[in-house]
Amino acid sequence: MIRIILCFFLACCAGRADTQADIEYARVDGRVLTLDLHRKPEAVNPPVVVYVHGGAWRAGSKSDMPLEKFLDHGFAIASVDYRLSTEAQFPAQIHDIKAAIRFLRATAGTWHIDARRIAIIGSSAGGHLAALAGVTNGHQELEGKVGAHLGQSSDVQCIVSFFGASNLQSILSQSTEFGLKMRVPALQLLLGGQPSEKPGIARLASPVAHLDKSDPPLLLLHGDADPQMPPEQSQEFAKACEAMKINVKLVSLPGSVHGGKEFYDQERIAMVADFVKDSLGLPRSVQSESSDARPRDTRDTRK
């Protein structure tokens, strides 16, 4: 009877995620920066997904992590907090994210993760920051000096941007009237002015301006009816990558707006997991291979 109960207990635990919350990865002027590390207890030395939350650069937190299903595909997820634009202007955000990646590499043995294989994924403003971190491997101005592991690399091997920005120099000209109401004040906080007033910093903050042939594979997902983040941002990014022969895939979701639940359903997560595994040189799982991850004609009707 005891053996049966123990087997039942272990079977129940196998499906649960183990989360180590509020791991300090750096300090800036006394400000503690933390991340949450999610994994399945049975995962052995898993590859890592660094997740960057959205919130127009001025809101949100590491607890806003919609990739729980990703854990079923054998990954650990490090959801990162970074200084918001209400606290510090760009490039503080990217300095923090790169510091978190360096920390994970330096302490991989402690957390039993595979730091040779790191992907970065972000949503909305987090998609922009994830893409920027991924295409600026070794960029001195954007590496920053945050954290205690400056000798470690902040390189990533794969990038996924869910409806993120790619060019802060063109974003306002592509925005809807509704989008402008959100984007103008958000950019004011992030850049300390509008892109036309701060062209140098706007370019520095634009992933499309940093592309080169050594960049890792990119997957871009965007709703073609997004009123907040112009779909043209991902289209422009994909075209620029294609022109440089960078491995890029753009998935446009017909009728979808900004952050609908269809972006994170089981089929979409399986598709993203396959892309990441292919990029990291990992075998696909039976679960992900059997999933039909084709984009569906879905519409988020939330106001």
C-alpha atoms as a PDB file:
ATOM      1  CA  MET A   1       0.000   0.000   0.000  1.00  0.00           C
ATOM      2  CA  ILE A   2       2.816   2.437   0.884  1.00  0.00           C
ATOM      3  CA  ARG A   3       4.491   1.713  -2.458  1.00  0.00           C
ATOM      4  CA  ILE A   4       1.236   2.421  -4.311  1.00  0.00           C
ATOM      5  CA  ILE A   5       0.766   5.712  -2.469  1.00  0.00           C
ATOM      6  CA  LEU A   6       4.386   6.709  -3.155  1.00  0.00           C
ATOM      7  CA  CYS A   7       4.047   5.914  -6.872  1.00  0.00           C
ATOM      8  CA  PHE A   8       0.824   7.920  -7.029  1.00  0.00           C
ATOM      9  CA  PHE A   9       2.500  10.866  -5.274  1.00  0.00           C
ATOM     10  CA  LEU A  10       5.479  10.810  -7.653  1.00  0.00           C
ATOM     11  CA  ALA A  11       3.186  10.595 -10.681  1.00  0.00           C
ATOM     12  CA  CYS A  12       1.242  13.638  -9.496  1.00  0.00           C
ATOM     13  CA  CYS A  13       4.414  15.636  -8.830  1.00  0.00           C
ATOM     14  CA  ALA A  14       5.825  14.808 -12.269  1.00  0.00           C
ATOM     15  CA  GLY A  15       3.330  17.122 -13.945  1.00  0.00           C
ATOM     16  CA  ARG A  16       4.004  20.069 -11.650  1.00  0.00           C
ATOM     17  CA  ALA A  17       6.438  22.884 -12.204  1.00  0.00           C
ATOM     18  CA  ASP A  18       9.085  23.676  -9.637  1.00  0.00           C
ATOM     19  CA  THR A  19       9.612  27.432  -9.304  1.00  0.00           C
ATOM     20  CA  GLN A  20      12.484  29.100  -7.517  1.00  0.00           C
ATOM     21  CA  ALA A  21      11.286  32.658  -7.124  1.00  0.00           C
ATOM     22  CA  ASP A  22      13.112  35.937  -6.620  1.00  0.00           C
ATOM     23  CA  ILE A  23      16.613  34.756  -7.444  1.00  0.00           C
ATOM     24  CA  GLU A  24      18.888  37.799  -7.271  1.00  0.00           C
ATOM     25  CA  TYR A  25      20.910  38.168 -10.458  1.00  0.00           C
ATOM     26  CA  ALA A  26      22.297  41.692  -9.977  1.00  0.00           C
ATOM     27  CA  ARG A  27      22.110  44.936  -8.033  1.00  0.00           C
ATOM     28  CA  VAL A  28      22.096  48.449  -9.443  1.00  0.00           C
ATOM     29  CA  ASP A  29      22.532  51.347  -7.011  1.00  0.00           C
ATOM     30  CA  GLY A  30      21.059  49.241  -4.238  1.00  0.00           C
ATOM     31  CA  ARG A  31      18.178  48.045  -6.422  1.00  0.00           C
ATOM     32  CA  VAL A  32      17.875  44.251  -6.348  1.00  0.00           C
ATOM     33  CA  LEU A  33      17.116  42.647  -9.721  1.00  0.00           C
ATOM     34  CA  THR A  34      15.552  39.197  -9.638  1.00  0.00           C
ATOM     35  CA  LEU A  35      14.301  36.377 -11.829  1.00  0.00           C
ATOM     36  CA  ASP A  36      12.058  33.359 -11.346  1.00  0.00           C
ATOM     37  CA  LEU A  37      13.332  29.983 -12.557  1.00  0.00           C
ATOM     38  CA  HIS A  38      10.621  27.526 -13.611  1.00  0.00           C
ATOM     39  CA  ARG A  39      11.258  23.880 -14.477  1.00  0.00           C
ATOM     40  CA  LYS A  40       9.769  20.422 -14.187  1.00  0.00           C
ATOM     41  CA  PRO A  41      11.407  18.407 -11.365  1.00  0.00           C
ATOM     42  CA  GLU A  42      12.137  15.579 -13.780  1.00  0.00           C
ATOM     43  CA  ALA A  43      13.954  17.839 -16.276  1.00  0.00           C
ATOM     44  CA  VAL A  44      17.665  16.967 -16.359  1.00  0.00           C
ATOM     45  CA  ASN A  45      20.031  19.820 -17.246  1.00  0.00           C
ATOM     46  CA  PRO A  46      17.399  21.481 -19.464  1.00  0.00           C
ATOM     47  CA  PRO A  47      18.079  24.211 -22.031  1.00  0.00           C
ATOM     48  CA  VAL A  48      16.920  27.642 -20.908  1.00  0.00           C
ATOM     49  CA  VAL A  49      14.342  30.077 -22.192  1.00  0.00           C
ATOM     50  CA  VAL A  50      14.823  33.618 -20.889  1.00  0.00           C
ATOM     51  CA  TYR A  51      11.379  35.242 -20.842  1.00  0.00           C
ATOM     52  CA  VAL A  52      10.981  39.044 -21.028  1.00  0.00           C
ATOM     53  CA  HIS A  53       7.584  40.397 -20.023  1.00  0.00           C
ATOM     54  CA  GLY A  54       5.701  43.187 -21.764  1.00  0.00           C
ATOM     55  CA  GLY A  55       3.927  46.264 -20.470  1.00  0.00           C
ATOM     56  CA  ALA A  56       4.909  49.144 -22.771  1.00  0.00           C
ATOM     57  CA  TRP A  57       8.336  49.176 -21.058  1.00  0.00           C
ATOM     58  CA  ARG A  58       6.716  50.901 -18.067  1.00  0.00           C
ATOM     59  CA  ALA A  59       4.645  48.147 -16.415  1.00  0.00           C
ATOM     60  CA  GLY A  60       4.454  44.392 -15.911  1.00  0.00           C
ATOM     61  CA  SER A  61       6.576  41.942 -13.959  1.00  0.00           C
ATOM     62  CA  LYS A  62       8.255  38.551 -14.162  1.00  0.00           C
ATOM     63  CA  SER A  63       5.086  36.993 -12.744  1.00  0.00           C
ATOM     64  CA  ASP A  64       3.389  37.805 -16.079  1.00  0.00           C
ATOM     65  CA  MET A  65       4.733  34.631 -17.688  1.00  0.00           C
ATOM     66  CA  PRO A  66       2.407  32.950 -20.243  1.00  0.00           C
ATOM     67  CA  LEU A  67       4.740  30.118 -21.297  1.00  0.00           C
ATOM     68  CA  GLU A  68       3.846  27.459 -18.714  1.00  0.00           C
ATOM     69  CA  LYS A  69       3.120  24.960 -21.502  1.00  0.00           C
ATOM     70  CA  PHE A  70       6.694  25.396 -22.671  1.00  0.00           C
ATOM     71  CA  LEU A  71       7.863  23.455 -19.620  1.00  0.00           C
ATOM     72  CA  ASP A  72       6.230  20.339 -21.063  1.00  0.00           C
ATOM     73  CA  HIS A  73       8.715  20.492 -23.945  1.00  0.00           C
ATOM     74  CA  GLY A  74      11.748  20.033 -21.716  1.00  0.00           C
ATOM     75  CA  PHE A  75      12.842  23.627 -21.126  1.00  0.00           C
ATOM     76  CA  ALA A  76      13.568  25.633 -18.007  1.00  0.00           C
ATOM     77  CA  ILE A  77      12.214  29.184 -18.079  1.00  0.00           C
ATOM     78  CA  ALA A  78      13.917  32.146 -16.420  1.00  0.00           C
ATOM     79  CA  SER A  79      11.376  34.971 -16.214  1.00  0.00           C
ATOM     80  CA  VAL A  80      13.272  38.204 -15.674  1.00  0.00           C
ATOM     81  CA  ASP A  81      12.421  41.456 -13.957  1.00  0.00           C
ATOM     82  CA  TYR A  82      14.209  44.534 -15.302  1.00  0.00           C
ATOM     83  CA  ARG A  83      14.144  48.230 -14.527  1.00  0.00           C
ATOM     84  CA  LEU A  84      11.027  49.767 -16.028  1.00  0.00           C
ATOM     85  CA  SER A  85      11.065  53.051 -17.914  1.00  0.00           C
ATOM     86  CA  THR A  86       9.380  54.775 -14.966  1.00  0.00           C
ATOM     87  CA  GLU A  87      12.576  54.064 -13.044  1.00  0.00           C
ATOM     88  CA  ALA A  88      15.320  54.273 -15.662  1.00  0.00           C
ATOM     89  CA  GLN A  89      15.534  55.210 -19.328  1.00  0.00           C
ATOM     90  CA  PHE A  90      16.894  53.031 -22.084  1.00  0.00           C
ATOM     91  CA  PRO A  91      19.368  51.296 -22.280  1.00  0.00           C
ATOM     92  CA  ALA A  92      18.914  50.261 -18.622  1.00  0.00           C
ATOM     93  CA  GLN A  93      16.372  47.589 -19.613  1.00  0.00           C
ATOM     94  CA  ILE A  94      18.689  45.834 -22.046  1.00  0.00           C
ATOM     95  CA  HIS A  95      21.631  46.108 -19.642  1.00  0.00           C
ATOM     96  CA  ASP A  96      19.560  44.253 -17.043  1.00  0.00           C
ATOM     97  CA  ILE A  97      18.432  41.511 -19.406  1.00  0.00           C
ATOM     98  CA  LYS A  98      21.976  40.863 -20.591  1.00  0.00           C
ATOM     99  CA  ALA A  99      23.120  40.766 -16.959  1.00  0.00           C
ATOM    100  CA  ALA A 100      20.495  38.097 -16.263  1.00  0.00           C
ATOM    101  CA  ILE A 101      21.794  35.973 -19.152  1.00  0.00           C
ATOM    102  CA  ARG A 102      25.374  36.311 -17.906  1.00  0.00           C
ATOM    103  CA  PHE A 103      24.218  35.318 -14.407  1.00  0.00           C
ATOM    104  CA  LEU A 104      22.508  32.179 -15.722  1.00  0.00           C
ATOM    105  CA  ARG A 105      25.667  31.164 -17.549  1.00  0.00           C
ATOM    106  CA  ALA A 106      27.879  31.802 -14.536  1.00  0.00           C
ATOM    107  CA  THR A 107      25.625  29.851 -12.152  1.00  0.00           C
ATOM    108  CA  ALA A 108      24.396  27.112 -14.490  1.00  0.00           C
ATOM    109  CA  GLY A 109      25.924  24.433 -12.281  1.00  0.00           C
ATOM    110  CA  THR A 110      24.001  25.715  -9.272  1.00  0.00           C
ATOM    111  CA  TRP A 111      20.673  25.559 -11.074  1.00  0.00           C
ATOM    112  CA  HIS A 112      21.475  22.449 -13.136  1.00  0.00           C
ATOM    113  CA  ILE A 113      20.629  24.047 -16.465  1.00  0.00           C
ATOM    114  CA  ASP A 114      22.295  23.873 -19.867  1.00  0.00           C
ATOM    115  CA  ALA A 115      23.808  27.328 -20.377  1.00  0.00           C
ATOM    116  CA  ARG A 116      25.206  26.342 -23.762  1.00  0.00           C
ATOM    117  CA  ARG A 117      21.667  26.527 -25.133  1.00  0.00           C
ATOM    118  CA  ILE A 118      19.774  29.709 -24.278  1.00  0.00           C
ATOM    119  CA  ALA A 119      16.805  31.088 -26.182  1.00  0.00           C
ATOM    120  CA  ILE A 120      15.178  34.435 -25.456  1.00  0.00           C
ATOM    121  CA  ILE A 121      11.446  35.030 -25.827  1.00  0.00           C
ATOM    122  CA  GLY A 122       9.439  38.168 -25.139  1.00  0.00           C
ATOM    123  CA  SER A 123       5.942  39.560 -25.575  1.00  0.00           C
ATOM    124  CA  SER A 124       5.067  43.069 -26.804  1.00  0.00           C
ATOM    125  CA  ALA A 125       7.633  45.464 -25.286  1.00  0.00           C
ATOM    126  CA  GLY A 126       9.343  42.334 -24.016  1.00  0.00           C
ATOM    127  CA  GLY A 127       9.438  41.017 -27.574  1.00  0.00           C
ATOM    128  CA  HIS A 128      11.257  44.171 -28.595  1.00  0.00           C
ATOM    129  CA  LEU A 129      13.769  43.795 -25.758  1.00  0.00           C
ATOM    130  CA  ALA A 130      14.249  40.082 -26.432  1.00  0.00           C
ATOM    131  CA  ALA A 131      14.973  40.766 -30.103  1.00  0.00           C
ATOM    132  CA  LEU A 132      17.335  43.604 -29.240  1.00  0.00           C
ATOM    133  CA  ALA A 133      19.236  41.471 -26.735  1.00  0.00           C
ATOM    134  CA  GLY A 134      19.482  38.659 -29.255  1.00  0.00           C
ATOM    135  CA  VAL A 135      20.810  40.653 -32.217  1.00  0.00           C
ATOM    136  CA  THR A 136      23.345  42.658 -30.207  1.00  0.00           C
ATOM    137  CA  ASN A 137      25.580  39.865 -28.948  1.00  0.00           C
ATOM    138  CA  GLY A 138      28.767  41.574 -27.803  1.00  0.00           C
ATOM    139  CA  HIS A 139      27.573  45.142 -28.513  1.00  0.00           C
ATOM    140  CA  GLN A 140      29.660  47.154 -26.048  1.00  0.00           C
ATOM    141  CA  GLU A 141      27.205  50.028 -25.557  1.00  0.00           C
ATOM    142  CA  LEU A 142      24.303  47.660 -24.916  1.00  0.00           C
ATOM    143  CA  GLU A 143      26.168  45.086 -22.835  1.00  0.00           C
ATOM    144  CA  GLY A 144      26.423  47.499 -19.939  1.00  0.00           C
ATOM    145  CA  LYS A 145      28.198  46.806 -16.662  1.00  0.00           C
ATOM    146  CA  VAL A 146      25.361  45.437 -14.580  1.00  0.00           C
ATOM    147  CA  GLY A 147      25.995  42.405 -12.397  1.00  0.00           C
ATOM    148  CA  ALA A 148      29.034  40.528 -11.139  1.00  0.00           C
ATOM    149  CA  HIS A 149      29.660  38.278 -14.148  1.00  0.00           C
ATOM    150  CA  LEU A 150      30.926  40.641 -16.821  1.00  0.00           C
ATOM    151  CA  GLY A 151      33.340  38.001 -18.102  1.00  0.00           C
ATOM    152  CA  GLN A 152      30.458  35.770 -19.149  1.00  0.00           C
ATOM    153  CA  SER A 153      28.797  35.929 -22.564  1.00  0.00           C
ATOM    154  CA  SER A 154      25.261  37.300 -22.946  1.00  0.00           C
ATOM    155  CA  ASP A 155      24.846  35.570 -26.313  1.00  0.00           C
ATOM    156  CA  VAL A 156      21.639  33.700 -27.061  1.00  0.00           C
ATOM    157  CA  GLN A 157      21.131  31.012 -29.683  1.00  0.00           C
ATOM    158  CA  CYS A 158      17.527  31.732 -30.663  1.00  0.00           C
ATOM    159  CA  ILE A 159      15.047  34.639 -30.542  1.00  0.00           C
ATOM    160  CA  VAL A 160      11.231  34.609 -30.429  1.00  0.00           C
ATOM    161  CA  SER A 161       9.255  37.855 -30.465  1.00  0.00           C
ATOM    162  CA  PHE A 162       5.531  37.802 -29.794  1.00  0.00           C
ATOM    163  CA  PHE A 163       4.077  40.986 -31.372  1.00  0.00           C
ATOM    164  CA  GLY A 164       7.151  43.056 -30.506  1.00  0.00           C
ATOM    165  CA  ALA A 165       8.589  46.276 -31.921  1.00  0.00           C
ATOM    166  CA  SER A 166      11.603  46.186 -34.216  1.00  0.00           C
ATOM    167  CA  ASN A 167      12.160  49.766 -35.374  1.00  0.00           C
ATOM    168  CA  LEU A 168      11.466  52.668 -33.039  1.00  0.00           C
ATOM    169  CA  GLN A 169      12.278  55.068 -35.861  1.00  0.00           C
ATOM    170  CA  SER A 170       9.320  53.917 -37.971  1.00  0.00           C
ATOM    171  CA  ILE A 171       6.852  52.701 -35.348  1.00  0.00           C
ATOM    172  CA  LEU A 172       4.852  55.921 -34.991  1.00  0.00           C
ATOM    173  CA  SER A 173       4.345  56.326 -38.725  1.00  0.00           C
ATOM    174  CA  GLN A 174       2.925  52.784 -38.810  1.00  0.00           C
ATOM    175  CA  SER A 175       0.672  53.165 -35.746  1.00  0.00           C
ATOM    176  CA  THR A 176      -3.099  53.476 -35.649  1.00  0.00           C
ATOM    177  CA  GLU A 177      -4.689  56.395 -33.814  1.00  0.00           C
ATOM    178  CA  PHE A 178      -5.352  54.040 -30.906  1.00  0.00           C
ATOM    179  CA  GLY A 179      -1.780  52.824 -31.016  1.00  0.00           C
ATOM    180  CA  LEU A 180      -0.394  56.355 -30.949  1.00  0.00           C
ATOM    181  CA  LYS A 181      -2.233  57.073 -27.692  1.00  0.00           C
ATOM    182  CA  MET A 182      -0.246  54.287 -26.074  1.00  0.00           C
ATOM    183  CA  ARG A 183       3.009  54.423 -27.984  1.00  0.00           C
ATOM    184  CA  VAL A 184       3.769  58.163 -27.764  1.00  0.00           C
ATOM    185  CA  PRO A 185       3.818  58.375 -23.942  1.00  0.00           C
ATOM    186  CA  ALA A 186       5.539  54.999 -23.699  1.00  0.00           C
ATOM    187  CA  LEU A 187       8.365  56.115 -25.991  1.00  0.00           C
ATOM    188  CA  GLN A 188       8.636  59.411 -24.106  1.00  0.00           C
ATOM    189  CA  LEU A 189       9.412  57.497 -20.923  1.00  0.00           C
ATOM    190  CA  LEU A 190      11.674  54.933 -22.549  1.00  0.00           C
ATOM    191  CA  LEU A 191      13.803  57.262 -24.685  1.00  0.00           C
ATOM    192  CA  GLY A 192      13.443  60.528 -22.799  1.00  0.00           C
ATOM    193  CA  GLY A 193      11.767  62.048 -25.860  1.00  0.00           C
ATOM    194  CA  GLN A 194      10.154  61.090 -29.133  1.00  0.00           C
ATOM    195  CA  PRO A 195      12.153  59.213 -31.799  1.00  0.00           C
ATOM    196  CA  SER A 196      12.332  62.369 -33.940  1.00  0.00           C
ATOM    197  CA  GLU A 197      13.855  64.207 -30.977  1.00  0.00           C
ATOM    198  CA  LYS A 198      16.181  61.348 -30.008  1.00  0.00           C
ATOM    199  CA  PRO A 199      17.142  59.746 -33.350  1.00  0.00           C
ATOM    200  CA  GLY A 200      20.415  58.308 -32.076  1.00  0.00           C
ATOM    201  CA  ILE A 201      18.903  56.581 -29.071  1.00  0.00           C
ATOM    202  CA  ALA A 202      15.882  55.455 -31.124  1.00  0.00           C
ATOM    203  CA  ARG A 203      18.217  53.781 -33.590  1.00  0.00           C
ATOM    204  CA  LEU A 204      20.276  52.227 -30.794  1.00  0.00           C
ATOM    205  CA  ALA A 205      17.042  50.775 -29.384  1.00  0.00           C
ATOM    206  CA  SER A 206      15.910  49.333 -32.748  1.00  0.00           C
ATOM    207  CA  PRO A 207      16.728  45.650 -33.374  1.00  0.00           C
ATOM    208  CA  VAL A 208      16.488  46.136 -37.140  1.00  0.00           C
ATOM    209  CA  ALA A 209      19.432  48.540 -36.998  1.00  0.00           C
ATOM    210  CA  HIS A 210      21.766  45.915 -35.517  1.00  0.00           C
ATOM    211  CA  LEU A 211      21.274  42.962 -37.840  1.00  0.00           C
ATOM    212  CA  ASP A 212      24.268  41.072 -39.187  1.00  0.00           C
ATOM    213  CA  LYS A 213      24.799  37.637 -40.686  1.00  0.00           C
ATOM    214  CA  SER A 214      25.954  36.151 -37.387  1.00  0.00           C
ATOM    215  CA  ASP A 215      22.586  36.729 -35.690  1.00  0.00           C
ATOM    216  CA  PRO A 216      20.729  33.683 -34.312  1.00  0.00           C
ATOM    217  CA  PRO A 217      17.467  32.386 -35.842  1.00  0.00           C
ATOM    218  CA  LEU A 218      14.383  34.530 -35.250  1.00  0.00           C
ATOM    219  CA  LEU A 219      10.696  33.628 -34.988  1.00  0.00           C
ATOM    220  CA  LEU A 220       8.213  36.505 -35.136  1.00  0.00           C
ATOM    221  CA  LEU A 221       4.523  36.102 -34.290  1.00  0.00           C
ATOM    222  CA  HIS A 222       2.089  38.959 -34.866  1.00  0.00           C
ATOM    223  CA  GLY A 223      -1.648  39.420 -35.289  1.00  0.00           C
ATOM    224  CA  ASP A 224      -2.499  41.151 -38.564  1.00  0.00           C
ATOM    225  CA  ALA A 225      -5.236  43.182 -36.807  1.00  0.00           C
ATOM    226  CA  ASP A 226      -3.047  44.383 -33.911  1.00  0.00           C
ATOM    227  CA  PRO A 227      -4.111  47.976 -33.064  1.00  0.00           C
ATOM    228  CA  GLN A 228      -1.386  48.516 -30.459  1.00  0.00           C
ATOM    229  CA  MET A 229       1.825  47.216 -31.993  1.00  0.00           C
ATOM    230  CA  PRO A 230       1.829  47.687 -35.779  1.00  0.00           C
ATOM    231  CA  PRO A 231       2.086  44.361 -37.661  1.00  0.00           C
ATOM    232  CA  GLU A 232       4.378  46.265 -40.030  1.00  0.00           C
ATOM    233  CA  GLN A 233       7.021  46.143 -37.304  1.00  0.00           C
ATOM    234  CA  SER A 234       7.378  42.370 -37.631  1.00  0.00           C
ATOM    235  CA  GLN A 235       6.988  42.516 -41.417  1.00  0.00           C
ATOM    236  CA  GLU A 236       9.765  45.094 -41.677  1.00  0.00           C
ATOM    237  CA  PHE A 237      11.968  43.035 -39.365  1.00  0.00           C
ATOM    238  CA  ALA A 238      11.420  39.833 -41.359  1.00  0.00           C
ATOM    239  CA  LYS A 239      12.231  41.548 -44.666  1.00  0.00           C
ATOM    240  CA  ALA A 240      15.433  43.008 -43.237  1.00  0.00           C
ATOM    241  CA  CYS A 241      16.473  39.573 -41.944  1.00  0.00           C
ATOM    242  CA  GLU A 242      15.687  37.929 -45.269  1.00  0.00           C
ATOM    243  CA  ALA A 243      17.763  40.533 -47.111  1.00  0.00           C
ATOM    244  CA  MET A 244      20.731  39.564 -44.944  1.00  0.00           C
ATOM    245  CA  LYS A 245      19.984  35.838 -45.261  1.00  0.00           C
ATOM    246  CA  ILE A 246      19.338  35.495 -41.523  1.00  0.00           C
ATOM    247  CA  ASN A 247      17.176  32.525 -40.554  1.00  0.00           C
ATOM    248  CA  VAL A 248      13.776  34.117 -39.868  1.00  0.00           C
ATOM    249  CA  LYS A 249      10.182  32.925 -39.782  1.00  0.00           C
ATOM    250  CA  LEU A 250       7.200  35.302 -39.616  1.00  0.00           C
ATOM    251  CA  VAL A 251       3.882  33.860 -38.463  1.00  0.00           C
ATOM    252  CA  SER A 252       0.947  36.198 -39.051  1.00  0.00           C
ATOM    253  CA  LEU A 253      -2.252  35.301 -37.205  1.00  0.00           C
ATOM    254  CA  PRO A 254      -5.282  36.370 -39.280  1.00  0.00           C
ATOM    255  CA  GLY A 255      -7.700  38.583 -37.362  1.00  0.00           C
ATOM    256  CA  SER A 256      -5.731  38.441 -34.122  1.00  0.00           C
ATOM    257  CA  VAL A 257      -5.060  41.585 -32.132  1.00  0.00           C
ATOM    258  CA  HIS A 258      -2.596  42.266 -29.306  1.00  0.00           C
ATOM    259  CA  GLY A 259      -1.841  39.439 -26.914  1.00  0.00           C
ATOM    260  CA  GLY A 260      -4.809  37.180 -27.554  1.00  0.00           C
ATOM    261  CA  LYS A 261      -4.832  33.793 -25.837  1.00  0.00           C
ATOM    262  CA  GLU A 262      -4.347  32.091 -29.217  1.00  0.00           C
ATOM    263  CA  PHE A 263      -0.697  33.156 -29.167  1.00  0.00           C
ATOM    264  CA  TYR A 264      -0.062  30.868 -26.204  1.00  0.00           C
ATOM    265  CA  ASP A 265      -2.355  27.925 -26.841  1.00  0.00           C
ATOM    266  CA  GLN A 266      -1.014  24.400 -26.999  1.00  0.00           C
ATOM    267  CA  GLU A 267      -0.656  24.381 -30.791  1.00  0.00           C
ATOM    268  CA  ARG A 268       1.207  27.681 -30.957  1.00  0.00           C
ATOM    269  CA  ILE A 269       3.506  26.755 -28.085  1.00  0.00           C
ATOM    270  CA  ALA A 270       4.301  23.451 -29.811  1.00  0.00           C
ATOM    271  CA  MET A 271       5.213  25.337 -32.984  1.00  0.00           C
ATOM    272  CA  VAL A 272       7.449  27.747 -31.050  1.00  0.00           C
ATOM    273  CA  ALA A 273       9.051  24.873 -29.127  1.00  0.00           C
ATOM    274  CA  ASP A 274       9.845  23.097 -32.418  1.00  0.00           C
ATOM    275  CA  PHE A 275      11.473  26.245 -33.799  1.00  0.00           C
ATOM    276  CA  VAL A 276      13.557  26.718 -30.659  1.00  0.00           C
ATOM    277  CA  LYS A 277      14.629  23.077 -30.570  1.00  0.00           C
ATOM    278  CA  ASP A 278      15.610  23.169 -34.231  1.00  0.00           C
ATOM    279  CA  SER A 279      17.611  26.335 -33.590  1.00  0.00           C
ATOM    280  CA  LEU A 280      19.360  24.839 -30.562  1.00  0.00           C
ATOM    281  CA  GLY A 281      20.121  21.566 -32.297  1.00  0.00           C
ATOM    282  CA  LEU A 282      17.768  19.556 -30.068  1.00  0.00           C
ATOM    283  CA  PRO A 283      15.458  16.707 -31.127  1.00  0.00           C
ATOM    284  CA  ARG A 284      11.776  17.467 -31.342  1.00  0.00           C
ATOM    285  CA  SER A 285       9.501  15.727 -28.867  1.00  0.00           C
ATOM    286  CA  VAL A 286       6.777  13.340 -29.894  1.00  0.00           C
ATOM    287  CA  GLN A 287       4.255  15.731 -28.361  1.00  0.00           C
ATOM    288  CA  SER A 288       5.326  18.708 -30.453  1.00  0.00           C
ATOM    289  CA  GLU A 289       5.687  16.711 -33.656  1.00  0.00           C
ATOM    290  CA  SER A 290       2.099  15.503 -33.423  1.00  0.00           C
ATOM    291  CA  SER A 291       0.648  18.972 -32.889  1.00  0.00           C
ATOM    292  CA  ASP A 292      -1.043  20.910 -35.652  1.00  0.00           C
ATOM    293  CA  ALA A 293       0.487  24.344 -35.128  1.00  0.00           C
ATOM    294  CA  ARG A 294      -0.814  26.056 -38.233  1.00  0.00           C
ATOM    295  CA  PRO A 295      -2.160  29.585 -37.601  1.00  0.00           C
ATOM    296  CA  ARG A 296      -5.924  29.671 -37.284  1.00  0.00           C
ATOM    297  CA  ASP A 297      -8.298  32.459 -38.223  1.00  0.00           C
ATOM    298  CA  THR A 298      -9.031  33.645 -34.713  1.00  0.00           C
ATOM    299  CA  ARG A 299     -10.003  37.019 -33.350  1.00  0.00           C
ATOM    300  CA  ASP A 300      -9.654  38.357 -29.845  1.00  0.00           C
ATOM    301  CA  THR A 301     -12.851  40.280 -29.174  1.00  0.00           C
ATOM    302  CA  ARG A 302     -11.772  41.736 -25.850  1.00  0.00           C
ATOM    303  CA  LYS A 303     -11.962  45.537 -25.620  1.00  0.00           C
END
